[in-house]
C-alpha atoms as a PDB file:
ATOM      1  CA  UNK A   1      89.328 107.501 116.982  1.00  0.00           C
ATOM      2  CA  UNK A   2      92.000 104.869 117.443  1.00  0.00           C
ATOM      3  CA  UNK A   3      94.506 104.016 114.748  1.00  0.00           C
ATOM      4  CA  UNK A   4      96.826 101.064 115.084  1.00  0.00           C
ATOM      5  CA  UNK A   5     100.241 102.579 114.498  1.00  0.00           C
ATOM      6  CA  UNK A   6     103.846 101.538 114.614  1.00  0.00           C
ATOM      7  CA  UNK A   7     105.294 100.967 118.071  1.00  0.00           C
ATOM      8  CA  UNK A   8     107.111 103.971 119.452  1.00  0.00           C
ATOM      9  CA  UNK A   9     109.929 103.247 121.842  1.00  0.00           C
ATOM     10  CA  UNK A  10     110.614 106.857 122.878  1.00  0.00           C
ATOM     11  CA  UNK A  11     111.378 107.745 119.275  1.00  0.00           C
ATOM     12  CA  UNK A  12     113.868 104.882 118.814  1.00  0.00           C
ATOM     13  CA  UNK A  13     113.438 102.420 115.982  1.00  0.00           C
ATOM     14  CA  UNK A  14     115.090  99.031 116.369  1.00  0.00           C
ATOM     15  CA  UNK A  15     114.998  98.197 112.634  1.00  0.00           C
ATOM     16  CA  UNK A  16     118.570  99.442 111.964  1.00  0.00           C
ATOM     17  CA  UNK A  17     119.856  97.377 114.891  1.00  0.00           C
ATOM     18  CA  UNK A  18     118.102  94.228 113.641  1.00  0.00           C
ATOM     19  CA  UNK A  19     119.401  94.800 110.109  1.00  0.00           C
ATOM     20  CA  UNK A  20     122.933  95.241 111.469  1.00  0.00           C
ATOM     21  CA  UNK A  21     122.661  91.983 113.404  1.00  0.00           C
ATOM     22  CA  UNK A  22     121.350  90.133 110.319  1.00  0.00           C
ATOM     23  CA  UNK A  23     124.100  91.607 108.141  1.00  0.00           C
ATOM     24  CA  UNK A  24     126.743  90.550 110.672  1.00  0.00           C
ATOM     25  CA  UNK A  25     125.271  87.058 110.828  1.00  0.00           C
ATOM     26  CA  UNK A  26     125.361  86.756 107.015  1.00  0.00           C
ATOM     27  CA  UNK A  27     128.899  88.173 106.861  1.00  0.00           C
ATOM     28  CA  UNK A  28     130.196  85.823 109.562  1.00  0.00           C
ATOM     29  CA  UNK A  29     128.829  82.887 107.550  1.00  0.00           C
ATOM     30  CA  UNK A  30     130.737  84.093 104.473  1.00  0.00           C
ATOM     31  CA  UNK A  31     127.720  85.501 102.596  1.00  0.00           C
ATOM     32  CA  UNK A  32     128.686  89.025 101.455  1.00  0.00           C
ATOM     33  CA  UNK A  33     125.834  89.432  98.990  1.00  0.00           C
ATOM     34  CA  UNK A  34     122.999  91.853  99.507  1.00  0.00           C
ATOM     35  CA  UNK A  35     120.502  89.269  98.308  1.00  0.00           C
ATOM     36  CA  UNK A  36     119.433  89.647 101.878  1.00  0.00           C
ATOM     37  CA  UNK A  37     116.635  88.042 103.782  1.00  0.00           C
ATOM     38  CA  UNK A  38     113.141  89.354 103.376  1.00  0.00           C
ATOM     39  CA  UNK A  39     112.640  92.360 105.644  1.00  0.00           C
ATOM     40  CA  UNK A  40     109.414  93.622 107.191  1.00  0.00           C
ATOM     41  CA  UNK A  41     108.864  97.366 107.186  1.00  0.00           C
ATOM     42  CA  UNK A  42     106.044  99.804 107.789  1.00  0.00           C
ATOM     43  CA  UNK A  43     105.389 102.673 105.385  1.00  0.00           C
ATOM     44  CA  UNK A  44     104.783 106.114 106.834  1.00  0.00           C
ATOM     45  CA  UNK A  45     101.275 107.562 106.498  1.00  0.00           C
ATOM     46  CA  UNK A  46      99.525 110.883 106.993  1.00  0.00           C
ATOM     47  CA  UNK A  47      95.876 110.545 108.004  1.00  0.00           C
ATOM     48  CA  UNK A  48      93.399 113.390 107.563  1.00  0.00           C
ATOM     49  CA  UNK A  49      89.781 113.423 108.595  1.00  0.00           C
ATOM     50  CA  UNK A  50      87.187 115.568 106.886  1.00  0.00           C
ATOM     51  CA  UNK A  51      83.469 115.654 107.693  1.00  0.00           C
ATOM     52  CA  UNK A  52      82.778 113.120 104.912  1.00  0.00           C
ATOM     53  CA  UNK A  53      85.859 110.861 104.749  1.00  0.00           C
ATOM     54  CA  UNK A  54      89.243 109.739 106.004  1.00  0.00           C
ATOM     55  CA  UNK A  55      92.220 110.442 103.730  1.00  0.00           C
ATOM     56  CA  UNK A  56      95.331 108.273 103.999  1.00  0.00           C
ATOM     57  CA  UNK A  57      98.531 109.358 102.252  1.00  0.00           C
ATOM     58  CA  UNK A  58     101.347 106.801 102.502  1.00  0.00           C
ATOM     59  CA  UNK A  59     104.921 106.718 101.253  1.00  0.00           C
ATOM     60  CA  UNK A  60     105.554 103.705  99.019  1.00  0.00           C
ATOM     61  CA  UNK A  61     108.608 104.672  96.948  1.00  0.00           C
ATOM     62  CA  UNK A  62     109.394 102.277  94.132  1.00  0.00           C
ATOM     63  CA  UNK A  63     106.404 100.040  94.862  1.00  0.00           C
ATOM     64  CA  UNK A  64     104.306  98.961  91.884  1.00  0.00           C
ATOM     65  CA  UNK A  65     100.539  99.191  92.221  1.00  0.00           C
ATOM     66  CA  UNK A  66     100.083  95.477  91.533  1.00  0.00           C
ATOM     67  CA  UNK A  67     102.246  94.794  94.627  1.00  0.00           C
ATOM     68  CA  UNK A  68      99.834  96.662  96.941  1.00  0.00           C
ATOM     69  CA  UNK A  69      96.736  95.123  98.495  1.00  0.00           C
ATOM     70  CA  UNK A  70      94.039  96.874 100.551  1.00  0.00           C
ATOM     71  CA  UNK A  71      91.668  94.711 102.583  1.00  0.00           C
ATOM     72  CA  UNK A  72      89.068  94.837 105.353  1.00  0.00           C
ATOM     73  CA  UNK A  73      89.734  91.820 107.597  1.00  0.00           C
ATOM     74  CA  UNK A  74      87.348  93.164 110.278  1.00  0.00           C
ATOM     75  CA  UNK A  75      84.618  95.744 110.538  1.00  0.00           C
ATOM     76  CA  UNK A  76      86.090  99.286 110.438  1.00  0.00           C
ATOM     77  CA  UNK A  77      89.663  97.975 110.079  1.00  0.00           C
ATOM     78  CA  UNK A  78      91.696  98.611 106.939  1.00  0.00           C
ATOM     79  CA  UNK A  79      94.951  96.748 106.202  1.00  0.00           C
ATOM     80  CA  UNK A  80      97.385  97.870 103.516  1.00  0.00           C
ATOM     81  CA  UNK A  81     100.113  95.373 102.691  1.00  0.00           C
ATOM     82  CA  UNK A  82     102.427  94.435  99.878  1.00  0.00           C
ATOM     83  CA  UNK A  83     106.083  94.229  98.949  1.00  0.00           C
ATOM     84  CA  UNK A  84     108.876  96.329  97.544  1.00  0.00           C
ATOM     85  CA  UNK A  85     111.905  95.079  95.681  1.00  0.00           C
ATOM     86  CA  UNK A  86     115.351  96.508  95.114  1.00  0.00           C
ATOM     87  CA  UNK A  87     116.212  96.680  91.414  1.00  0.00           C
ATOM     88  CA  UNK A  88     119.134  98.241  89.598  1.00  0.00           C
ATOM     89  CA  UNK A  89     119.978  98.669  85.953  1.00  0.00           C
ATOM     90  CA  UNK A  90     123.428  97.995  84.605  1.00  0.00           C
ATOM     91  CA  UNK A  91     124.819  97.925  81.132  1.00  0.00           C
ATOM     92  CA  UNK A  92     127.535  99.219  78.897  1.00  0.00           C
ATOM     93  CA  UNK A  93     127.410 102.635  77.340  1.00  0.00           C
ATOM     94  CA  UNK A  94     127.648 102.975  73.597  1.00  0.00           C
ATOM     95  CA  UNK A  95     130.401 105.137  72.100  1.00  0.00           C
ATOM     96  CA  UNK A  96     127.944 107.988  71.486  1.00  0.00           C
ATOM     97  CA  UNK A  97     126.701 107.871  75.055  1.00  0.00           C
ATOM     98  CA  UNK A  98     130.270 107.847  76.384  1.00  0.00           C
ATOM     99  CA  UNK A  99     131.168 110.955  74.357  1.00  0.00           C
ATOM    100  CA  UNK A 100     128.020 112.708  75.571  1.00  0.00           C
ATOM    101  CA  UNK A 101     128.754 111.714  79.169  1.00  0.00           C
ATOM    102  CA  UNK A 102     132.314 113.054  79.061  1.00  0.00           C
ATOM    103  CA  UNK A 103     131.276 116.453  77.672  1.00  0.00           C
ATOM    104  CA  UNK A 104     128.359 116.812  80.108  1.00  0.00           C
ATOM    105  CA  UNK A 105     129.889 115.023  83.074  1.00  0.00           C
ATOM    106  CA  UNK A 106     128.168 117.158  85.705  1.00  0.00           C
ATOM    107  CA  UNK A 107     124.665 117.154  84.236  1.00  0.00           C
ATOM    108  CA  UNK A 108     122.020 114.646  85.284  1.00  0.00           C
ATOM    109  CA  UNK A 109     119.820 113.073  82.651  1.00  0.00           C
ATOM    110  CA  UNK A 110     116.101 112.690  83.301  1.00  0.00           C
ATOM    111  CA  UNK A 111     114.496 109.737  81.591  1.00  0.00           C
ATOM    112  CA  UNK A 112     110.952 109.758  80.336  1.00  0.00           C
ATOM    113  CA  UNK A 113     108.489 106.927  80.865  1.00  0.00           C
ATOM    114  CA  UNK A 114     109.445 105.080  77.655  1.00  0.00           C
ATOM    115  CA  UNK A 115     113.121 105.060  78.697  1.00  0.00           C
ATOM    116  CA  UNK A 116     112.140 103.887  82.180  1.00  0.00           C
ATOM    117  CA  UNK A 117     110.079 101.014  80.738  1.00  0.00           C
ATOM    118  CA  UNK A 118     113.017  99.947  78.560  1.00  0.00           C
ATOM    119  CA  UNK A 119     115.333 100.078  81.585  1.00  0.00           C
ATOM    120  CA  UNK A 120     112.782  98.066  83.588  1.00  0.00           C
ATOM    121  CA  UNK A 121     112.787  95.385  80.879  1.00  0.00           C
ATOM    122  CA  UNK A 122     116.591  95.273  81.191  1.00  0.00           C
ATOM    123  CA  UNK A 123     116.263  94.791  84.952  1.00  0.00           C
ATOM    124  CA  UNK A 124     113.857  91.885  84.464  1.00  0.00           C
ATOM    125  CA  UNK A 125     116.377  90.194  82.168  1.00  0.00           C
ATOM    126  CA  UNK A 126     119.215  90.799  84.640  1.00  0.00           C
ATOM    127  CA  UNK A 127     117.313  89.514  87.693  1.00  0.00           C
ATOM    128  CA  UNK A 128     118.372  86.038  86.621  1.00  0.00           C
ATOM    129  CA  UNK A 129     122.041  86.840  87.376  1.00  0.00           C
ATOM    130  CA  UNK A 130     123.436  86.996  90.898  1.00  0.00           C
ATOM    131  CA  UNK A 131     124.218  90.436  92.305  1.00  0.00           C
ATOM    132  CA  UNK A 132     127.954  90.421  93.115  1.00  0.00           C
ATOM    133  CA  UNK A 133     128.267  94.130  93.892  1.00  0.00           C
ATOM    134  CA  UNK A 134     129.613  95.236  97.255  1.00  0.00           C
ATOM    135  CA  UNK A 135     127.089  97.419  99.042  1.00  0.00           C
ATOM    136  CA  UNK A 136     128.485 100.316 101.027  1.00  0.00           C
ATOM    137  CA  UNK A 137     125.113 101.533 102.171  1.00  0.00           C
ATOM    138  CA  UNK A 138     121.637  99.968 101.892  1.00  0.00           C
ATOM    139  CA  UNK A 139     119.000 102.182 103.512  1.00  0.00           C
ATOM    140  CA  UNK A 140     116.025 101.701 101.198  1.00  0.00           C
ATOM    141  CA  UNK A 141     113.092  99.829 102.651  1.00  0.00           C
ATOM    142  CA  UNK A 142     112.638  96.508 100.884  1.00  0.00           C
ATOM    143  CA  UNK A 143     110.635  93.384 101.548  1.00  0.00           C
ATOM    144  CA  UNK A 144     107.068  92.995 102.662  1.00  0.00           C
ATOM    145  CA  UNK A 145     105.177  95.768 104.412  1.00  0.00           C
ATOM    146  CA  UNK A 146     101.922  96.071 106.285  1.00  0.00           C
ATOM    147  CA  UNK A 147      99.950  98.796 108.042  1.00  0.00           C
ATOM    148  CA  UNK A 148      96.644  98.447 109.848  1.00  0.00           C
ATOM    149  CA  UNK A 149      94.192 101.247 110.626  1.00  0.00           C
ATOM    150  CA  UNK A 150      91.072 100.977 112.789  1.00  0.00           C
ATOM    151  CA  UNK A 151      88.501 103.746 112.437  1.00  0.00           C
ATOM    152  CA  UNK A 152      86.362 105.002 115.312  1.00  0.00           C
ATOM    153  CA  UNK A 153      83.283 105.675 113.211  1.00  0.00           C
ATOM    154  CA  UNK A 154      81.453 103.563 110.644  1.00  0.00           C
ATOM    155  CA  UNK A 155      82.861 103.632 107.113  1.00  0.00           C
ATOM    156  CA  UNK A 156      81.528 102.784 103.655  1.00  0.00           C
ATOM    157  CA  UNK A 157      83.721  99.927 102.411  1.00  0.00           C
ATOM    158  CA  UNK A 158      82.154  99.981  98.929  1.00  0.00           C
ATOM    159  CA  UNK A 159      83.003 103.647  98.312  1.00  0.00           C
ATOM    160  CA  UNK A 160      86.763 103.441  98.940  1.00  0.00           C
ATOM    161  CA  UNK A 161      89.119 104.661  96.230  1.00  0.00           C
ATOM    162  CA  UNK A 162      92.899 104.265  96.066  1.00  0.00           C
ATOM    163  CA  UNK A 163      95.539 105.681  93.751  1.00  0.00           C
ATOM    164  CA  UNK A 164      99.319 105.191  93.670  1.00  0.00           C
ATOM    165  CA  UNK A 165     101.178 108.023  91.980  1.00  0.00           C
ATOM    166  CA  UNK A 166     104.792 109.185  92.326  1.00  0.00           C
ATOM    167  CA  UNK A 167     105.394 106.833  95.247  1.00  0.00           C
ATOM    168  CA  UNK A 168     102.437 108.139  97.292  1.00  0.00           C
ATOM    169  CA  UNK A 169      99.429 105.924  97.978  1.00  0.00           C
ATOM    170  CA  UNK A 170      96.251 108.012  98.386  1.00  0.00           C
ATOM    171  CA  UNK A 171      93.284 106.193  99.903  1.00  0.00           C
ATOM    172  CA  UNK A 172      89.922 107.903 100.438  1.00  0.00           C
ATOM    173  CA  UNK A 173      87.598 106.135 102.859  1.00  0.00           C
ATOM    174  CA  UNK A 174      84.119 107.670 102.978  1.00  0.00           C
ATOM    175  CA  UNK A 175      82.314 107.738 106.305  1.00  0.00           C
ATOM    176  CA  UNK A 176      78.994 105.931 106.540  1.00  0.00           C
ATOM    177  CA  UNK A 177      75.900 108.082 106.644  1.00  0.00           C
ATOM    178  CA  UNK A 178      74.649 108.575 110.158  1.00  0.00           C
ATOM    179  CA  UNK A 179      71.548 106.593 110.851  1.00  0.00           C
ATOM    180  CA  UNK A 180      68.725 108.930 111.738  1.00  0.00           C
ATOM    181  CA  UNK A 181      65.821 107.802 113.842  1.00  0.00           C
ATOM    182  CA  UNK A 182      62.540 107.892 111.956  1.00  0.00           C
ATOM    183  CA  UNK A 183      59.283 108.219 113.678  1.00  0.00           C
ATOM    184  CA  UNK A 184      56.333 106.330 112.180  1.00  0.00           C
ATOM    185  CA  UNK A 185      52.927 107.825 112.697  1.00  0.00           C
ATOM    186  CA  UNK A 186      50.271 105.248 113.527  1.00  0.00           C
ATOM    187  CA  UNK A 187      46.934 105.977 111.823  1.00  0.00           C
END
């Protein structure tokens, strides 16, 4: 079976070098913002084969399910593409939150889904403003992504299921039933 995978240059990835060159180019032109150009990246996948199906498990941290598309451009070829965005929440703490923060300064707070949705609404409102923060490190993969997989055996396109949970995309691709030769008896 042949899968189209990311190019491997003896284990070296040139993405950090290209990002460094783009950052230098922006900096030399006087643009210090991280509202950077759109990057291309490839998510990492694990691929398992069972007797009945192929199982793809891909890392898509922070990607929303409506930003992921799965298509079959050719027979036995699956393409997963989409985009990821960098978002941050900012805001002022209330007096009660500040008192709580100072007394528990070394404890992390875990937000539940309702808090996360409220924070996400804040981010949407703040996307209108320009990000003026100075970035010391920006390693998260952002921008558009695409991965292509070609399967060596026939697959059932109609039976595919996909689920995105906790930043992991799980795609199950059932194999097509093997065609068995039937012999017709002539009477």
